[in-house]
Amino acid sequence: MAAETESPQAVEAKMPMMRHLREMRDRVAKSVIAMVITTGLAFAFGEQLLKILIAPAPPGLPLIAIELTENLAVFLKVSLAGGFILAMPFLVYQLFAFVSPALTSKEKSYIYRIIPFIAIMFFAGVAFAYFVGLPPALNFLTTWNTDIAEPQIRINDYVNVVTRMIIAVGFVFETPVIIMFLARMGIVTPQWLARRRKLWIVLAFVLAAFITPTIDPIVQTIIALPLILLLELSIILARVVYKDRTESAPEEA
C-alpha cells in the first residue's frame, strides 16, 4: 500500500516549526563559536586571569594542588569562566534575536536598546563581587578557627568559590534591566513591585546567603544591600517605562 501523503495544511504547519528549529540551530552554533573564540582568548591570558582571581585572597595564602591534573583543570576552568564573561553580551543578543520574530517592531527596538545595559549591569556586578564582596568573604573563610586547624586550600576549591560568586553576582545585577523589560511588556507594574519591598528585602538576604560562601552576617549584608538598592532602582525604571507604555498604548492601538 502506498504511503499516505500529508495534506497541504499539515505541510504548511510543519514549515514554520522547521524554520524555528533551523533558526535555533544557527543561533546555538553562533553562540558556541563565540564561546570557543572568547575561551581561546581567555586561555591565552589564563595565567594572568588566575593571578587576578587570587589577588583578593589574604596575602600569603598558600594554595595547593593534590591531584596530578588539578593545575591544568583549574587553568581550563578559569579560561572557560573568562570566555563566558566575555561572550555574555553576544549570547544575550543571540537569545533576543531568536525570540524577536514573535515581538512587535516597537518591542524589538526596545529590546535591542537595552542589550548594552544588560552587558553594563553584568560587568558592574562582576566588578562589585571582585572588589567589594570577595575580600571580606575570603578573609573570613581563611581565618576562621585557624588556631585549631591550619587551612590548606586547594586551588580548585578556591577557583570554584571565586568564579561562582563573581558570575552569580553579575547575573543578580541584571535585576533592574529584567524588571524594566517586564514592566515595558506590561507583565509587572511599579505598584506591584512597591508592595513587595519587604518580601524583596528577605529574598535579598536569602540570595546573599546562597551567593556568598560564608556564614558571616557582615559579608552577607555587603551583598544583600546592593540587591535592595537594585530593587529601588528597578521600581524607578519600571515607573518610567510603564508610563511610556500606557501613554503609547492608544497610538499602538
Protein backbone atom coordinates (compact mmCIF):
# COMPACT_ATOMS: atom_id res chain seq x y z
CA MET A 1 0.00 0.00 0.00
CA ALA A 2 1.35 3.42 -0.91
CA ALA A 3 2.17 5.70 1.96
CA GLU A 4 -0.43 8.33 2.65
CA THR A 5 0.59 11.81 1.55
CA GLU A 6 0.33 14.67 4.00
CA SER A 7 -2.26 17.32 3.38
CA PRO A 8 -1.09 20.79 2.26
CA GLN A 9 -2.29 22.19 5.60
CA ALA A 10 -0.07 19.76 7.53
CA VAL A 11 2.94 20.64 5.37
CA GLU A 12 2.36 24.37 5.92
CA ALA A 13 2.08 23.78 9.68
CA LYS A 14 5.42 21.96 9.74
CA MET A 15 7.33 24.59 7.77
CA PRO A 16 7.29 27.31 10.47
CA MET A 17 8.44 24.75 13.02
CA MET A 18 11.31 23.70 10.76
CA ARG A 19 12.29 27.34 10.29
CA HIS A 20 12.30 27.84 14.07
CA LEU A 21 14.46 24.75 14.55
CA ARG A 22 16.91 25.92 11.88
CA GLU A 23 16.97 29.36 13.46
CA MET A 24 17.67 27.85 16.88
CA ARG A 25 20.41 25.66 15.40
CA ASP A 26 22.07 28.68 13.79
CA ARG A 27 21.86 30.77 16.97
CA VAL A 28 23.29 27.95 19.09
CA ALA A 29 26.09 27.39 16.57
CA LYS A 30 26.98 31.09 16.61
CA SER A 31 26.95 31.09 20.42
CA VAL A 32 29.24 28.05 20.55
CA ILE A 33 31.63 29.65 18.07
CA ALA A 34 31.66 32.85 20.16
CA MET A 35 32.39 30.83 23.30
CA VAL A 36 35.23 29.00 21.55
CA ILE A 37 36.77 32.31 20.43
CA THR A 38 36.43 34.06 23.80
CA THR A 39 37.56 30.97 25.72
CA GLY A 40 40.61 30.74 23.45
CA LEU A 41 41.34 34.40 24.12
CA ALA A 42 40.97 33.84 27.86
CA PHE A 43 43.17 30.74 27.58
CA ALA A 44 45.93 32.88 26.04
CA PHE A 45 45.81 35.06 29.16
CA GLY A 46 44.95 32.24 31.55
CA GLU A 47 47.94 32.77 33.83
CA GLN A 48 47.13 36.46 34.21
CA LEU A 49 43.46 35.69 34.85
CA LEU A 50 44.39 33.18 37.53
CA LYS A 51 46.60 35.76 39.24
CA ILE A 52 43.73 38.25 39.11
CA LEU A 53 41.42 35.74 40.80
CA ILE A 54 43.99 35.03 43.52
CA ALA A 55 44.62 38.75 44.20
CA PRO A 56 41.59 39.29 46.54
CA ALA A 57 42.81 36.49 48.85
CA PRO A 58 44.70 37.41 52.03
CA PRO A 59 48.41 37.96 51.36
CA GLY A 60 50.49 34.81 51.56
CA LEU A 61 47.54 32.43 51.35
CA PRO A 62 49.00 29.01 50.47
CA LEU A 63 47.18 27.27 47.64
CA ILE A 64 47.88 23.61 46.99
CA ALA A 65 47.13 21.07 44.25
CA ILE A 66 46.75 17.48 45.42
CA GLU A 67 45.95 15.86 42.07
CA LEU A 68 48.23 15.42 39.09
CA THR A 69 45.88 17.20 36.67
CA GLU A 70 44.50 19.78 39.09
CA ASN A 71 46.57 22.74 37.92
CA LEU A 72 45.66 22.03 34.31
CA ALA A 73 41.98 21.60 35.17
CA VAL A 74 41.96 24.89 37.06
CA PHE A 75 43.65 26.66 34.14
CA LEU A 76 40.97 25.36 31.77
CA LYS A 77 38.19 26.24 34.22
CA VAL A 78 39.44 29.82 34.55
CA SER A 79 39.66 30.10 30.76
CA LEU A 80 36.09 28.85 30.37
CA ALA A 81 34.77 31.26 33.02
CA GLY A 82 36.63 34.15 31.41
CA GLY A 83 35.34 33.16 28.00
CA PHE A 84 31.76 33.06 29.27
CA ILE A 85 32.04 36.51 30.85
CA LEU A 86 33.49 37.96 27.65
CA ALA A 87 30.88 36.30 25.43
CA MET A 88 27.90 37.12 27.64
CA PRO A 89 26.71 40.21 25.67
CA PHE A 90 26.81 38.26 22.40
CA LEU A 91 24.98 35.30 23.97
CA VAL A 92 22.24 37.63 25.21
CA TYR A 93 21.96 39.17 21.75
CA GLN A 94 21.54 35.72 20.17
CA LEU A 95 18.81 34.88 22.68
CA PHE A 96 16.86 38.04 21.92
CA ALA A 97 17.41 37.63 18.18
CA PHE A 98 15.87 34.15 18.39
CA VAL A 99 12.69 35.34 20.15
CA SER A 100 12.41 38.61 18.20
CA PRO A 101 10.16 37.23 15.39
CA ALA A 102 7.38 36.85 17.97
CA LEU A 103 7.64 40.52 19.02
CA THR A 104 6.29 43.71 17.51
CA SER A 105 8.64 46.17 15.82
CA LYS A 106 8.47 48.51 18.83
CA GLU A 107 9.22 45.66 21.22
CA LYS A 108 12.20 44.62 19.07
CA SER A 109 13.52 48.19 19.05
CA TYR A 110 13.16 48.38 22.84
CA ILE A 111 14.95 45.07 23.40
CA TYR A 112 17.91 45.99 21.22
CA ARG A 113 18.24 49.31 23.04
CA ILE A 114 18.55 47.62 26.44
CA ILE A 115 21.11 44.99 25.38
CA PRO A 116 24.07 47.35 26.12
CA PHE A 117 22.64 47.96 29.60
CA ILE A 118 22.43 44.20 30.17
CA ALA A 119 26.15 43.94 29.49
CA ILE A 120 26.94 47.01 31.61
CA MET A 121 24.99 45.73 34.62
CA PHE A 122 26.53 42.27 34.33
CA PHE A 123 30.06 43.66 34.30
CA ALA A 124 29.13 46.02 37.16
CA GLY A 125 28.06 43.00 39.20
CA VAL A 126 31.29 41.19 38.37
CA ALA A 127 33.31 44.23 39.46
CA PHE A 128 31.29 44.60 42.68
CA ALA A 129 31.79 40.95 43.58
CA TYR A 130 35.52 41.12 42.85
CA PHE A 131 36.38 44.39 44.57
CA VAL A 132 33.79 44.56 47.36
CA GLY A 133 32.38 41.11 48.09
CA LEU A 134 35.32 38.74 47.70
CA PRO A 135 37.97 40.31 50.00
CA PRO A 136 35.91 40.12 53.24
CA ALA A 137 34.45 36.74 52.29
CA LEU A 138 37.87 35.21 51.62
CA ASN A 139 39.33 36.80 54.73
CA PHE A 140 36.55 35.26 56.83
CA LEU A 141 36.94 31.81 55.30
CA THR A 142 40.71 31.71 55.60
CA THR A 143 40.91 32.99 59.20
CA TRP A 144 38.04 31.07 60.81
CA ASN A 145 39.30 28.69 63.50
CA THR A 146 42.88 28.80 62.24
CA ASP A 147 44.10 28.28 65.80
CA ILE A 148 42.58 24.81 65.66
CA ALA A 149 43.45 23.77 62.11
CA GLU A 150 45.77 25.43 59.65
CA PRO A 151 43.94 25.87 56.32
CA GLN A 152 45.38 24.11 53.29
CA ILE A 153 43.29 25.47 50.45
CA ARG A 154 43.05 23.50 47.21
CA ILE A 155 43.38 25.79 44.23
CA ASN A 156 40.43 24.03 42.57
CA ASP A 157 38.15 24.77 45.54
CA TYR A 158 39.36 28.37 45.66
CA VAL A 159 38.64 28.97 41.97
CA ASN A 160 35.20 27.32 42.27
CA VAL A 161 34.17 29.64 45.11
CA VAL A 162 35.53 32.79 43.46
CA THR A 163 34.14 32.22 39.95
CA ARG A 164 30.75 31.10 41.27
CA MET A 165 30.40 34.24 43.37
CA ILE A 166 31.56 36.57 40.59
CA ILE A 167 29.22 35.14 37.95
CA ALA A 168 26.26 34.85 40.36
CA VAL A 169 26.52 38.48 41.46
CA GLY A 170 26.90 39.51 37.83
CA PHE A 171 23.57 37.87 37.00
CA VAL A 172 21.86 39.32 40.08
CA PHE A 173 22.84 42.80 38.93
CA GLU A 174 20.67 42.22 35.86
CA THR A 175 17.58 42.63 38.07
CA PRO A 176 16.81 46.26 37.10
CA VAL A 177 17.09 45.53 33.38
CA ILE A 178 14.90 42.42 33.63
CA ILE A 179 12.24 44.19 35.69
CA MET A 180 12.33 47.20 33.35
CA PHE A 181 11.71 44.83 30.43
CA LEU A 182 8.83 43.10 32.25
CA ALA A 183 7.29 46.47 33.09
CA ARG A 184 7.63 47.63 29.49
CA MET A 185 5.83 44.48 28.36
CA GLY A 186 3.11 45.11 30.95
CA ILE A 187 3.84 41.91 32.87
CA VAL A 188 4.57 43.74 36.15
CA THR A 189 3.62 47.20 37.38
CA PRO A 190 5.57 49.63 39.60
CA GLN A 191 2.78 49.44 42.18
CA TRP A 192 3.04 45.65 42.32
CA LEU A 193 6.81 45.92 42.84
CA ALA A 194 6.50 48.61 45.54
CA ARG A 195 4.03 46.49 47.52
CA ARG A 196 6.59 43.69 47.70
CA ARG A 197 9.52 45.63 49.13
CA LYS A 198 9.51 43.69 52.40
CA LEU A 199 9.45 40.38 50.55
CA TRP A 200 12.34 41.51 48.37
CA ILE A 201 14.41 42.51 51.43
CA VAL A 202 14.01 39.00 52.81
CA LEU A 203 14.76 37.50 49.40
CA ALA A 204 17.87 39.69 49.08
CA PHE A 205 19.35 38.20 52.25
CA VAL A 206 18.38 34.69 51.15
CA LEU A 207 20.12 35.23 47.81
CA ALA A 208 23.13 36.68 49.59
CA ALA A 209 23.32 33.57 51.77
CA PHE A 210 23.37 31.36 48.65
CA ILE A 211 25.82 33.54 46.74
CA THR A 212 28.36 34.10 49.49
CA PRO A 213 30.29 31.06 50.69
CA THR A 214 30.35 32.27 54.31
CA ILE A 215 28.01 32.41 57.29
CA ASP A 216 29.36 35.81 58.25
CA PRO A 217 26.37 38.20 58.50
CA ILE A 218 28.58 41.17 57.63
CA VAL A 219 29.63 39.63 54.33
CA GLN A 220 26.06 38.62 53.55
CA THR A 221 24.88 42.16 54.31
CA ILE A 222 27.52 43.56 51.96
CA ILE A 223 25.92 41.52 49.16
CA ALA A 224 22.30 42.00 50.26
CA LEU A 225 22.37 45.81 50.47
CA PRO A 226 23.11 46.32 46.76
CA LEU A 227 20.31 43.88 45.93
CA ILE A 228 17.88 46.00 47.93
CA LEU A 229 19.14 49.14 46.18
CA LEU A 230 18.75 47.36 42.83
CA LEU A 231 15.07 46.80 43.60
CA GLU A 232 14.59 50.51 44.30
CA LEU A 233 16.30 51.29 41.01
CA SER A 234 14.07 48.71 39.34
CA ILE A 235 10.94 50.41 40.69
CA ILE A 236 12.13 53.80 39.40
CA LEU A 237 12.90 52.40 35.96
CA ALA A 238 9.62 50.48 35.89
CA ARG A 239 7.70 53.69 36.56
CA VAL A 240 9.43 55.39 33.64
CA VAL A 241 8.92 52.65 31.06
CA TYR A 242 5.45 51.66 32.29
CA LYS A 243 4.33 55.27 31.98
CA ASP A 244 5.71 55.34 28.44
CA ARG A 245 3.85 52.14 27.67
CA THR A 246 0.48 53.42 28.93
CA GLU A 247 0.93 56.67 27.04
CA SER A 248 1.88 54.89 23.81
CA ALA A 249 -0.88 52.29 24.09
CA PRO A 250 -3.52 54.43 22.29
CA GLU A 251 -1.05 55.12 19.47
CA GLU A 252 -0.27 51.43 19.05
CA ALA A 253 -3.99 50.61 19.08
